[in-house]
C-alpha atoms as a PDB file:
ATOM      1  CA  MET A   1     123.052  40.646 168.573  1.00  0.00           C
ATOM      2  CA  ASN A   2     123.315  43.155 166.187  1.00  0.00           C
ATOM      3  CA  GLU A   3     124.298  41.656 162.570  1.00  0.00           C
ATOM      4  CA  LYS A   4     126.070  44.827 161.487  1.00  0.00           C
ATOM      5  CA  PRO A   5     129.091  46.133 163.320  1.00  0.00           C
ATOM      6  CA  ILE A   6     127.959  49.402 165.221  1.00  0.00           C
ATOM      7  CA  LEU A   7     129.410  52.919 164.527  1.00  0.00           C
ATOM      8  CA  ALA A   8     129.293  55.321 167.423  1.00  0.00           C
ATOM      9  CA  ILE A   9     129.767  58.851 167.262  1.00  0.00           C
ATOM     10  CA  MET A  10     129.918  60.848 170.494  1.00  0.00           C
ATOM     11  CA  TYR A  11     129.483  64.771 170.444  1.00  0.00           C
ATOM     12  CA  ASP A  12     130.312  67.719 172.813  1.00  0.00           C
ATOM     13  CA  PHE A  13     127.665  70.084 172.560  1.00  0.00           C
ATOM     14  CA  ASP A  14     128.662  73.621 173.439  1.00  0.00           C
ATOM     15  CA  ARG A  15     130.961  74.983 170.818  1.00  0.00           C
ATOM     16  CA  THR A  16     130.907  71.751 168.923  1.00  0.00           C
ATOM     17  CA  LEU A  17     127.588  71.823 167.440  1.00  0.00           C
ATOM     18  CA  SER A  18     126.827  74.921 168.668  1.00  0.00           C
ATOM     19  CA  PRO A  19     128.730  78.220 168.470  1.00  0.00           C
ATOM     20  CA  ARG A  20     128.157  79.449 172.092  1.00  0.00           C
ATOM     21  CA  ASP A  21     127.083  78.096 175.414  1.00  0.00           C
ATOM     22  CA  MET A  22     123.383  76.829 175.300  1.00  0.00           C
ATOM     23  CA  GLN A  23     122.535  79.258 178.043  1.00  0.00           C
ATOM     24  CA  GLU A  24     123.267  82.257 176.445  1.00  0.00           C
ATOM     25  CA  TYR A  25     121.041  82.035 173.702  1.00  0.00           C
ATOM     26  CA  GLY A  26     117.528  82.110 176.090  1.00  0.00           C
ATOM     27  CA  PHE A  27     118.240  81.657 179.649  1.00  0.00           C
ATOM     28  CA  ILE A  28     121.102  84.420 180.295  1.00  0.00           C
ATOM     29  CA  PRO A  29     119.343  86.922 178.390  1.00  0.00           C
ATOM     30  CA  GLU A  30     115.879  86.501 180.003  1.00  0.00           C
ATOM     31  CA  LEU A  31     117.960  87.300 183.196  1.00  0.00           C
ATOM     32  CA  GLY A  32     118.633  90.487 181.847  1.00  0.00           C
ATOM     33  CA  MET A  33     122.368  89.559 182.369  1.00  0.00           C
ATOM     34  CA  ALA A  34     125.283  89.578 179.859  1.00  0.00           C
ATOM     35  CA  PRO A  35     127.294  86.233 179.598  1.00  0.00           C
ATOM     36  CA  GLU A  36     130.264  87.916 181.189  1.00  0.00           C
ATOM     37  CA  GLU A  37     128.413  88.722 184.122  1.00  0.00           C
ATOM     38  CA  PHE A  38     126.831  85.105 184.624  1.00  0.00           C
ATOM     39  CA  TRP A  39     129.862  83.190 184.126  1.00  0.00           C
ATOM     40  CA  GLY A  40     131.758  85.491 186.390  1.00  0.00           C
ATOM     41  CA  LYS A  41     129.264  84.532 189.089  1.00  0.00           C
ATOM     42  CA  CYS A  42     129.927  80.782 188.244  1.00  0.00           C
ATOM     43  CA  VAL A  43     133.625  81.248 188.842  1.00  0.00           C
ATOM     44  CA  ASP A  44     132.971  83.135 192.065  1.00  0.00           C
ATOM     45  CA  ALA A  45     130.797  80.595 193.403  1.00  0.00           C
ATOM     46  CA  MET A  46     133.110  77.898 192.302  1.00  0.00           C
ATOM     47  CA  LYS A  47     135.914  79.464 194.321  1.00  0.00           C
ATOM     48  CA  LYS A  48     133.929  80.728 197.301  1.00  0.00           C
ATOM     49  CA  TYR A  49     132.167  76.972 197.903  1.00  0.00           C
ATOM     50  CA  GLN A  50     135.164  74.977 196.780  1.00  0.00           C
ATOM     51  CA  MET A  51     132.450  73.736 194.183  1.00  0.00           C
ATOM     52  CA  ASP A  52     132.877  71.691 191.097  1.00  0.00           C
ATOM     53  CA  GLN A  53     132.484  74.017 187.801  1.00  0.00           C
ATOM     54  CA  ILE A  54     129.409  72.156 186.668  1.00  0.00           C
ATOM     55  CA  LEU A  55     127.666  72.294 190.045  1.00  0.00           C
ATOM     56  CA  ALA A  56     128.464  75.892 190.332  1.00  0.00           C
ATOM     57  CA  TYR A  57     126.797  77.136 187.386  1.00  0.00           C
ATOM     58  CA  MET A  58     123.723  74.879 188.006  1.00  0.00           C
ATOM     59  CA  TYR A  59     123.656  76.677 191.257  1.00  0.00           C
ATOM     60  CA  VAL A  60     123.895  79.931 189.975  1.00  0.00           C
ATOM     61  CA  MET A  61     121.171  79.171 187.093  1.00  0.00           C
ATOM     62  CA  VAL A  62     118.919  78.689 190.095  1.00  0.00           C
ATOM     63  CA  GLU A  63     119.744  81.287 192.288  1.00  0.00           C
ATOM     64  CA  GLU A  64     119.788  84.255 189.561  1.00  0.00           C
ATOM     65  CA  ALA A  65     116.242  82.794 188.481  1.00  0.00           C
ATOM     66  CA  LYS A  66     114.434  83.440 191.759  1.00  0.00           C
ATOM     67  CA  GLY A  67     112.260  86.350 191.650  1.00  0.00           C
ATOM     68  CA  ARG A  68     112.856  86.646 187.870  1.00  0.00           C
ATOM     69  CA  ILE A  69     112.186  83.800 185.579  1.00  0.00           C
ATOM     70  CA  VAL A  70     110.406  80.508 186.292  1.00  0.00           C
ATOM     71  CA  ILE A  71     112.664  77.426 185.547  1.00  0.00           C
ATOM     72  CA  ASN A  72     111.397  73.958 185.342  1.00  0.00           C
ATOM     73  CA  LYS A  73     111.975  70.882 183.068  1.00  0.00           C
ATOM     74  CA  GLN A  74     109.309  72.419 180.543  1.00  0.00           C
ATOM     75  CA  THR A  75     110.670  76.182 180.620  1.00  0.00           C
ATOM     76  CA  LEU A  76     114.385  74.711 180.180  1.00  0.00           C
ATOM     77  CA  ARG A  77     113.312  72.374 177.110  1.00  0.00           C
ATOM     78  CA  GLU A  78     111.628  75.516 175.902  1.00  0.00           C
ATOM     79  CA  LEU A  79     114.746  77.282 175.613  1.00  0.00           C
ATOM     80  CA  GLY A  80     116.538  74.633 173.531  1.00  0.00           C
ATOM     81  CA  LYS A  81     114.361  75.928 170.573  1.00  0.00           C
ATOM     82  CA  ASP A  82     116.404  78.963 170.592  1.00  0.00           C
ATOM     83  CA  VAL A  83     119.695  77.038 170.521  1.00  0.00           C
ATOM     84  CA  GLN A  84     121.618  77.747 167.191  1.00  0.00           C
ATOM     85  CA  LEU A  85     123.718  75.247 165.327  1.00  0.00           C
ATOM     86  CA  PHE A  86     126.439  75.090 163.352  1.00  0.00           C
ATOM     87  CA  GLU A  87     126.091  75.035 159.236  1.00  0.00           C
ATOM     88  CA  GLY A  88     124.981  71.853 158.026  1.00  0.00           C
ATOM     89  CA  VAL A  89     124.056  70.410 161.514  1.00  0.00           C
ATOM     90  CA  LYS A  90     120.478  69.822 160.999  1.00  0.00           C
ATOM     91  CA  THR A  91     121.323  67.368 157.878  1.00  0.00           C
ATOM     92  CA  TRP A  92     124.396  66.022 159.206  1.00  0.00           C
ATOM     93  CA  PHE A  93     122.742  62.855 160.880  1.00  0.00           C
ATOM     94  CA  THR A  94     120.964  61.796 157.844  1.00  0.00           C
ATOM     95  CA  ARG A  95     123.937  61.919 155.687  1.00  0.00           C
ATOM     96  CA  VAL A  96     126.261  60.139 157.921  1.00  0.00           C
ATOM     97  CA  ASN A  97     123.610  57.524 158.528  1.00  0.00           C
ATOM     98  CA  ASP A  98     123.071  56.776 154.901  1.00  0.00           C
ATOM     99  CA  TYR A  99     126.682  56.799 154.205  1.00  0.00           C
ATOM    100  CA  ALA A 100     127.481  54.107 157.265  1.00  0.00           C
ATOM    101  CA  GLN A 101     124.853  51.707 156.351  1.00  0.00           C
ATOM    102  CA  LYS A 102     126.011  51.643 152.656  1.00  0.00           C
ATOM    103  CA  ARG A 103     128.931  50.613 154.305  1.00  0.00           C
ATOM    104  CA  GLY A 104     127.737  47.884 156.408  1.00  0.00           C
ATOM    105  CA  LEU A 105     127.730  49.730 159.715  1.00  0.00           C
ATOM    106  CA  THR A 106     124.906  50.499 161.944  1.00  0.00           C
ATOM    107  CA  PRO A 107     125.263  54.322 162.928  1.00  0.00           C
ATOM    108  CA  GLU A 108     124.346  55.597 166.410  1.00  0.00           C
ATOM    109  CA  HIS A 109     124.972  59.099 167.837  1.00  0.00           C
ATOM    110  CA  TYR A 110     125.285  60.063 171.379  1.00  0.00           C
ATOM    111  CA  ILE A 111     125.701  63.428 173.622  1.00  0.00           C
ATOM    112  CA  ILE A 112     128.244  63.678 176.284  1.00  0.00           C
ATOM    113  CA  SER A 113     128.332  67.221 177.357  1.00  0.00           C
ATOM    114  CA  SER A 114     128.622  69.705 180.440  1.00  0.00           C
ATOM    115  CA  GLY A 115     125.542  71.429 179.210  1.00  0.00           C
ATOM    116  CA  LEU A 116     122.121  70.946 180.653  1.00  0.00           C
ATOM    117  CA  LYS A 117     120.317  67.900 179.252  1.00  0.00           C
ATOM    118  CA  GLU A 118     116.820  69.605 179.367  1.00  0.00           C
ATOM    119  CA  ILE A 119     117.843  72.390 177.013  1.00  0.00           C
ATOM    120  CA  ILE A 120     119.548  69.680 174.720  1.00  0.00           C
ATOM    121  CA  GLU A 121     116.364  67.762 174.849  1.00  0.00           C
ATOM    122  CA  GLY A 122     114.773  71.163 173.455  1.00  0.00           C
ATOM    123  CA  THR A 123     116.929  71.436 170.076  1.00  0.00           C
ATOM    124  CA  PRO A 124     115.568  70.172 166.825  1.00  0.00           C
ATOM    125  CA  ILE A 125     118.311  67.594 166.710  1.00  0.00           C
ATOM    126  CA  ALA A 126     117.559  66.002 170.191  1.00  0.00           C
ATOM    127  CA  HIS A 127     115.712  62.947 168.329  1.00  0.00           C
ATOM    128  CA  GLU A 128     118.936  61.966 166.582  1.00  0.00           C
ATOM    129  CA  PHE A 129     120.772  60.601 169.763  1.00  0.00           C
ATOM    130  CA  LYS A 130     120.304  57.297 171.122  1.00  0.00           C
ATOM    131  CA  GLU A 131     121.256  58.846 174.585  1.00  0.00           C
ATOM    132  CA  ILE A 132     121.976  62.482 175.871  1.00  0.00           C
ATOM    133  CA  TYR A 133     124.586  62.344 178.606  1.00  0.00           C
ATOM    134  CA  ALA A 134     124.623  65.730 180.274  1.00  0.00           C
ATOM    135  CA  ALA A 135     124.129  67.761 183.285  1.00  0.00           C
ATOM    136  CA  SER A 136     120.454  67.742 184.606  1.00  0.00           C
ATOM    137  CA  PHE A 137     118.439  68.745 187.536  1.00  0.00           C
ATOM    138  CA  CYS A 138     116.372  66.708 189.996  1.00  0.00           C
ATOM    139  CA  TYR A 139     112.584  68.415 190.345  1.00  0.00           C
ATOM    140  CA  ALA A 140     110.674  68.434 193.299  1.00  0.00           C
ATOM    141  CA  ALA A 141     106.852  67.987 193.659  1.00  0.00           C
ATOM    142  CA  ASP A 142     106.278  71.709 192.371  1.00  0.00           C
ATOM    143  CA  GLY A 143     108.435  71.240 189.252  1.00  0.00           C
ATOM    144  CA  MET A 144     111.151  73.451 190.426  1.00  0.00           C
ATOM    145  CA  PRO A 145     114.909  72.323 190.447  1.00  0.00           C
ATOM    146  CA  CYS A 146     115.759  71.374 193.698  1.00  0.00           C
ATOM    147  CA  TRP A 147     119.075  69.394 193.533  1.00  0.00           C
ATOM    148  CA  PRO A 148     121.264  68.312 190.766  1.00  0.00           C
ATOM    149  CA  ALA A 149     120.513  64.926 189.570  1.00  0.00           C
ATOM    150  CA  MET A 150     123.947  64.618 187.362  1.00  0.00           C
ATOM    151  CA  ALA A 151     126.904  66.817 186.768  1.00  0.00           C
ATOM    152  CA  VAL A 152     129.213  65.879 184.079  1.00  0.00           C
ATOM    153  CA  ASN A 153     132.540  67.336 184.083  1.00  0.00           C
ATOM    154  CA  TYR A 154     135.761  66.907 181.777  1.00  0.00           C
ATOM    155  CA  THR A 155     136.979  63.633 183.749  1.00  0.00           C
ATOM    156  CA  SER A 156     133.379  62.075 184.386  1.00  0.00           C
ATOM    157  CA  LYS A 157     132.645  62.547 180.723  1.00  0.00           C
ATOM    158  CA  THR A 158     134.920  59.453 180.310  1.00  0.00           C
ATOM    159  CA  GLN A 159     132.427  56.926 182.140  1.00  0.00           C
ATOM    160  CA  PHE A 160     129.945  57.132 179.227  1.00  0.00           C
ATOM    161  CA  LEU A 161     132.490  56.191 176.682  1.00  0.00           C
ATOM    162  CA  PHE A 162     133.057  52.895 178.642  1.00  0.00           C
ATOM    163  CA  ARG A 163     129.265  52.899 178.845  1.00  0.00           C
ATOM    164  CA  VAL A 164     128.649  52.753 174.765  1.00  0.00           C
ATOM    165  CA  ASN A 165     131.639  50.476 174.631  1.00  0.00           C
ATOM    166  CA  LYS A 166     129.779  47.830 177.060  1.00  0.00           C
ATOM    167  CA  GLY A 167     126.204  48.493 176.228  1.00  0.00           C
ATOM    168  CA  VAL A 168     125.529  49.418 179.682  1.00  0.00           C
ATOM    169  CA  LEU A 169     123.668  52.654 178.629  1.00  0.00           C
ATOM    170  CA  ASP A 170     121.455  53.362 181.901  1.00  0.00           C
ATOM    171  CA  VAL A 171     123.429  55.602 184.048  1.00  0.00           C
ATOM    172  CA  THR A 172     121.927  54.108 187.231  1.00  0.00           C
ATOM    173  CA  GLU A 173     123.615  50.768 186.315  1.00  0.00           C
ATOM    174  CA  HIS A 174     127.018  50.632 187.840  1.00  0.00           C
ATOM    175  CA  ARG A 175     127.996  47.294 188.575  1.00  0.00           C
ATOM    176  CA  GLN A 176     127.519  45.926 185.230  1.00  0.00           C
ATOM    177  CA  LEU A 177     129.624  48.991 183.858  1.00  0.00           C
ATOM    178  CA  ASN A 178     132.499  48.051 186.507  1.00  0.00           C
ATOM    179  CA  GLU A 179     132.515  44.324 185.986  1.00  0.00           C
ATOM    180  CA  PHE A 180     135.159  42.507 183.748  1.00  0.00           C
ATOM    181  CA  MET A 181     133.766  41.993 180.142  1.00  0.00           C
ATOM    182  CA  PRO A 182     135.955  40.610 177.563  1.00  0.00           C
ATOM    183  CA  GLU A 183     136.617  43.048 174.365  1.00  0.00           C
ATOM    184  CA  GLU A 184     134.765  40.560 172.105  1.00  0.00           C
ATOM    185  CA  LYS A 185     131.857  40.766 174.248  1.00  0.00           C
ATOM    186  CA  ARG A 186     131.751  44.429 174.167  1.00  0.00           C
ATOM    187  CA  ARG A 187     128.847  46.288 172.158  1.00  0.00           C
ATOM    188  CA  VAL A 188     130.907  48.811 170.478  1.00  0.00           C
ATOM    189  CA  PRO A 189     134.935  48.263 170.288  1.00  0.00           C
ATOM    190  CA  PHE A 190     136.689  51.657 170.717  1.00  0.00           C
ATOM    191  CA  SER A 191     137.883  51.201 167.297  1.00  0.00           C
ATOM    192  CA  ASN A 192     134.492  52.004 166.200  1.00  0.00           C
ATOM    193  CA  MET A 193     134.072  55.077 168.030  1.00  0.00           C
ATOM    194  CA  ILE A 194     134.578  58.838 166.819  1.00  0.00           C
ATOM    195  CA  TYR A 195     134.546  61.502 169.339  1.00  0.00           C
ATOM    196  CA  VAL A 196     133.855  65.075 168.424  1.00  0.00           C
ATOM    197  CA  GLY A 197     134.716  67.872 170.600  1.00  0.00           C
ATOM    198  CA  ASP A 198     136.076  71.299 170.671  1.00  0.00           C
ATOM    199  CA  GLY A 199     138.576  72.188 173.530  1.00  0.00           C
ATOM    200  CA  LEU A 200     140.744  71.112 176.579  1.00  0.00           C
ATOM    201  CA  THR A 201     137.412  70.007 178.561  1.00  0.00           C
ATOM    202  CA  ASP A 202     137.189  67.083 175.800  1.00  0.00           C
ATOM    203  CA  VAL A 203     140.661  66.309 176.005  1.00  0.00           C
ATOM    204  CA  PRO A 204     140.149  63.192 178.487  1.00  0.00           C
ATOM    205  CA  CYS A 205     137.486  61.457 176.120  1.00  0.00           C
ATOM    206  CA  MET A 206     139.529  62.811 172.907  1.00  0.00           C
ATOM    207  CA  LYS A 207     142.480  61.056 174.355  1.00  0.00           C
ATOM    208  CA  LEU A 208     140.873  57.780 175.895  1.00  0.00           C
ATOM    209  CA  THR A 209     139.220  56.987 172.579  1.00  0.00           C
ATOM    210  CA  LYS A 210     142.652  57.572 170.606  1.00  0.00           C
ATOM    211  CA  LEU A 211     144.711  55.435 172.813  1.00  0.00           C
ATOM    212  CA  ASN A 212     142.097  52.378 172.517  1.00  0.00           C
ATOM    213  CA  GLY A 213     142.240  52.252 168.886  1.00  0.00           C
ATOM    214  CA  GLY A 214     139.211  54.805 168.375  1.00  0.00           C
ATOM    215  CA  HIS A 215     139.206  58.300 166.408  1.00  0.00           C
ATOM    216  CA  SER A 216     139.063  61.743 168.038  1.00  0.00           C
ATOM    217  CA  ILE A 217     138.101  65.064 165.735  1.00  0.00           C
ATOM    218  CA  ALA A 218     138.861  68.646 167.417  1.00  0.00           C
ATOM    219  CA  VAL A 219     136.709  71.279 165.666  1.00  0.00           C
ATOM    220  CA  TRP A 220     137.358  74.928 165.729  1.00  0.00           C
ATOM    221  CA  GLN A 221     135.194  78.303 164.930  1.00  0.00           C
ATOM    222  CA  ASP A 222     137.533  81.126 164.246  1.00  0.00           C
ATOM    223  CA  SER A 223     140.940  79.844 163.792  1.00  0.00           C
ATOM    224  CA  PRO A 224     142.709  76.096 164.119  1.00  0.00           C
ATOM    225  CA  ALA A 225     145.163  77.750 166.229  1.00  0.00           C
ATOM    226  CA  ALA A 226     142.817  76.763 169.285  1.00  0.00           C
ATOM    227  CA  VAL A 227     143.029  73.098 168.443  1.00  0.00           C
ATOM    228  CA  ASN A 228     146.511  72.868 166.585  1.00  0.00           C
ATOM    229  CA  ASP A 229     148.316  72.175 169.744  1.00  0.00           C
ATOM    230  CA  MET A 230     145.870  69.120 170.497  1.00  0.00           C
ATOM    231  CA  LEU A 231     146.886  67.512 167.277  1.00  0.00           C
ATOM    232  CA  LEU A 232     150.619  68.167 167.616  1.00  0.00           C
ATOM    233  CA  GLU A 233     150.710  66.686 171.159  1.00  0.00           C
ATOM    234  CA  GLY A 234     148.888  63.764 169.790  1.00  0.00           C
ATOM    235  CA  ARG A 235     145.668  64.305 171.492  1.00  0.00           C
ATOM    236  CA  VAL A 236     143.494  64.051 168.685  1.00  0.00           C
ATOM    237  CA  ASP A 237     143.699  62.821 165.247  1.00  0.00           C
ATOM    238  CA  PHE A 238     142.246  65.283 163.167  1.00  0.00           C
ATOM    239  CA  VAL A 239     141.404  69.156 163.386  1.00  0.00           C
ATOM    240  CA  THR A 240     138.634  70.593 161.208  1.00  0.00           C
ATOM    241  CA  LYS A 241     136.214  73.530 160.914  1.00  0.00           C
ATOM    242  CA  ALA A 242     132.970  73.323 162.826  1.00  0.00           C
ATOM    243  CA  ASP A 243     131.236  73.286 159.258  1.00  0.00           C
ATOM    244  CA  TYR A 244     129.003  70.143 158.772  1.00  0.00           C
ATOM    245  CA  SER A 245     127.799  70.880 155.526  1.00  0.00           C
ATOM    246  CA  GLU A 246     127.843  68.670 152.631  1.00  0.00           C
ATOM    247  CA  GLY A 247     131.206  68.419 150.824  1.00  0.00           C
ATOM    248  CA  SER A 248     132.732  70.128 154.063  1.00  0.00           C
ATOM    249  CA  GLU A 249     136.219  68.640 155.385  1.00  0.00           C
ATOM    250  CA  MET A 250     134.473  67.568 158.436  1.00  0.00           C
ATOM    251  CA  GLU A 251     132.324  65.597 156.226  1.00  0.00           C
ATOM    252  CA  LYS A 252     135.158  64.421 154.282  1.00  0.00           C
ATOM    253  CA  THR A 253     137.064  63.702 157.502  1.00  0.00           C
ATOM    254  CA  VAL A 254     134.235  61.429 159.192  1.00  0.00           C
ATOM    255  CA  PHE A 255     133.551  59.685 155.969  1.00  0.00           C
ATOM    256  CA  ALA A 256     137.223  58.473 155.686  1.00  0.00           C
ATOM    257  CA  VAL A 257     137.113  57.401 159.136  1.00  0.00           C
ATOM    258  CA  ILE A 258     133.829  55.309 158.410  1.00  0.00           C
ATOM    259  CA  ASP A 259     135.768  53.716 155.336  1.00  0.00           C
ATOM    260  CA  GLU A 260     138.396  52.626 157.706  1.00  0.00           C
ATOM    261  CA  ILE A 261     136.259  51.485 160.434  1.00  0.00           C
ATOM    262  CA  ALA A 262     133.804  49.575 157.967  1.00  0.00           C
ATOM    263  CA  ALA A 263     137.126  47.950 156.455  1.00  0.00           C
ATOM    264  CA  ALA A 264     138.582  47.068 159.720  1.00  0.00           C
ATOM    265  CA  SER A 265     135.357  45.655 161.134  1.00  0.00           C
ATOM    266  CA  ARG A 266     135.242  43.338 157.853  1.00  0.00           C
ATOM    267  CA  THR A 267     138.852  41.928 158.442  1.00  0.00           C
ATOM    268  CA  ALA A 268     138.491  41.598 162.071  1.00  0.00           C
ATOM    269  CA  GLN A 269     135.163  39.182 161.239  1.00  0.00           C
ATOM    270  CA  MET A 270     137.157  37.385 159.049  1.00  0.00           C
ATOM    271  CA  HIS A 271     140.015  36.939 161.514  1.00  0.00           C
ATOM    272  CA  LEU A 272     137.065  35.559 163.861  1.00  0.00           C
ATOM    273  CA  SER A 273     135.854  33.347 161.497  1.00  0.00           C
ATOM    274  CA  ALA A 274     139.394  31.695 160.917  1.00  0.00           C
ATOM    275  CA  ALA A 275     139.984  31.602 164.340  1.00  0.00           C
ATOM    276  CA  ASP A 276     136.709  29.770 165.006  1.00  0.00           C
ATOM    277  CA  ARG A 277     137.395  27.065 162.145  1.00  0.00           C
ATOM    278  CA  ALA A 278     141.008  26.910 163.633  1.00  0.00           C
ATOM    279  CA  ARG A 279     139.756  25.926 167.042  1.00  0.00           C
ATOM    280  CA  ARG A 280     137.484  23.183 165.576  1.00  0.00           C
ATOM    281  CA  GLY A 281     140.470  22.200 163.417  1.00  0.00           C
ATOM    282  CA  ILE A 282     138.450  22.508 159.799  1.00  0.00           C
ATOM    283  CA  SER A 283     140.267  24.000 157.020  1.00  0.00           C
ATOM    284  CA  GLU A 284     138.670  26.810 154.992  1.00  0.00           C
ATOM    285  CA  GLY A 285     138.501  24.471 152.139  1.00  0.00           C
ATOM    286  CA  ASP A 286     137.136  21.481 154.602  1.00  0.00           C
ATOM    287  CA  ALA A 287     134.519  24.182 155.541  1.00  0.00           C
ATOM    288  CA  LEU A 288     133.236  25.090 152.386  1.00  0.00           C
ATOM    289  CA  TYR A 289     133.209  21.332 151.256  1.00  0.00           C
ATOM    290  CA  TRP A 290     130.950  20.473 153.963  1.00  0.00           C
ATOM    291  CA  GLU A 291     128.798  23.154 153.201  1.00  0.00           C
ATOM    292  CA  ALA A 292     128.129  22.473 149.609  1.00  0.00           C
ATOM    293  CA  GLN A 293     127.487  18.878 150.786  1.00  0.00           C
ATOM    294  CA  HIS A 294     125.198  19.971 153.377  1.00  0.00           C
ATOM    295  CA  ASP A 295     123.240  22.136 150.744  1.00  0.00           C
ATOM    296  CA  THR A 296     123.175  19.224 148.361  1.00  0.00           C
ATOM    297  CA  GLU A 297     121.941  16.862 150.947  1.00  0.00           C
ATOM    298  CA  SER A 298     119.336  19.692 152.141  1.00  0.00           C
ATOM    299  CA  ARG A 299     118.125  20.150 148.306  1.00  0.00           C
ATOM    300  CA  SER A 300     117.985  16.179 147.772  1.00  0.00           C
ATOM    301  CA  GLY A 301     115.821  15.654 150.925  1.00  0.00           C
ATOM    302  CA  LYS A 302     113.193  18.340 149.571  1.00  0.00           C
ATOM    303  CA  ARG A 303     112.621  16.103 146.303  1.00  0.00           C
END
């Protein structure tokens, strides 16, 4: 059992931590295609085969790579080195961790993305995350992708919030995830969660986090108009520019939420302690008296 309350911050990746879709930095240029052409083929495949949009882009990646480039787990991870990050992201986690720990919280960071896990694993910030939940391939004996292992779309993203909430982090464990668990037994209460995303595909997670007492933040690049409606419609708590630099609005917002979570965690613990004493029929004054008596007897016994 963790002595300190856990703070869990979940992030989308593309256009949340990185300015563009991750395939646009290395993979698509290596195909000799423009991003618009590649994503157009993904839409065509989705409609032609009535396919989930995430499965569609994974299918097109494999098909377009044939005869052009080799893709396997290692080459996909290598592509992660070319992925650009928003200003301040590389030092963001250290600053957040230091601030949260000073306020009595244990910080954890998670990725919940429709992007490709293998590419994210190759980025310089991959080690900052407790878990990376994203689309991924299953690989054949020759190392080539042969089937999707995981597809994470805008609605399936929500399962990972409950995985963090209950502490069931293994994606192959489903029974424990779906079994009833009392709120007080859950590893990370929703009230201790922050979800950070950039658009409509993040809305289910943002809304679910917010409705359960957590906090959601929508980030924007060029204009807040893209996310202002989400704020006005009650889908998110805050909108900020995707600038993670020291002293930025994003940092100030997250630090303020951390202050709130830390204070709420302290008062929640006080309530639980008071409830425990009430169940045992012991007043706070009596409890302090018996603790003092115990300390006195202990010291006397040592002499």
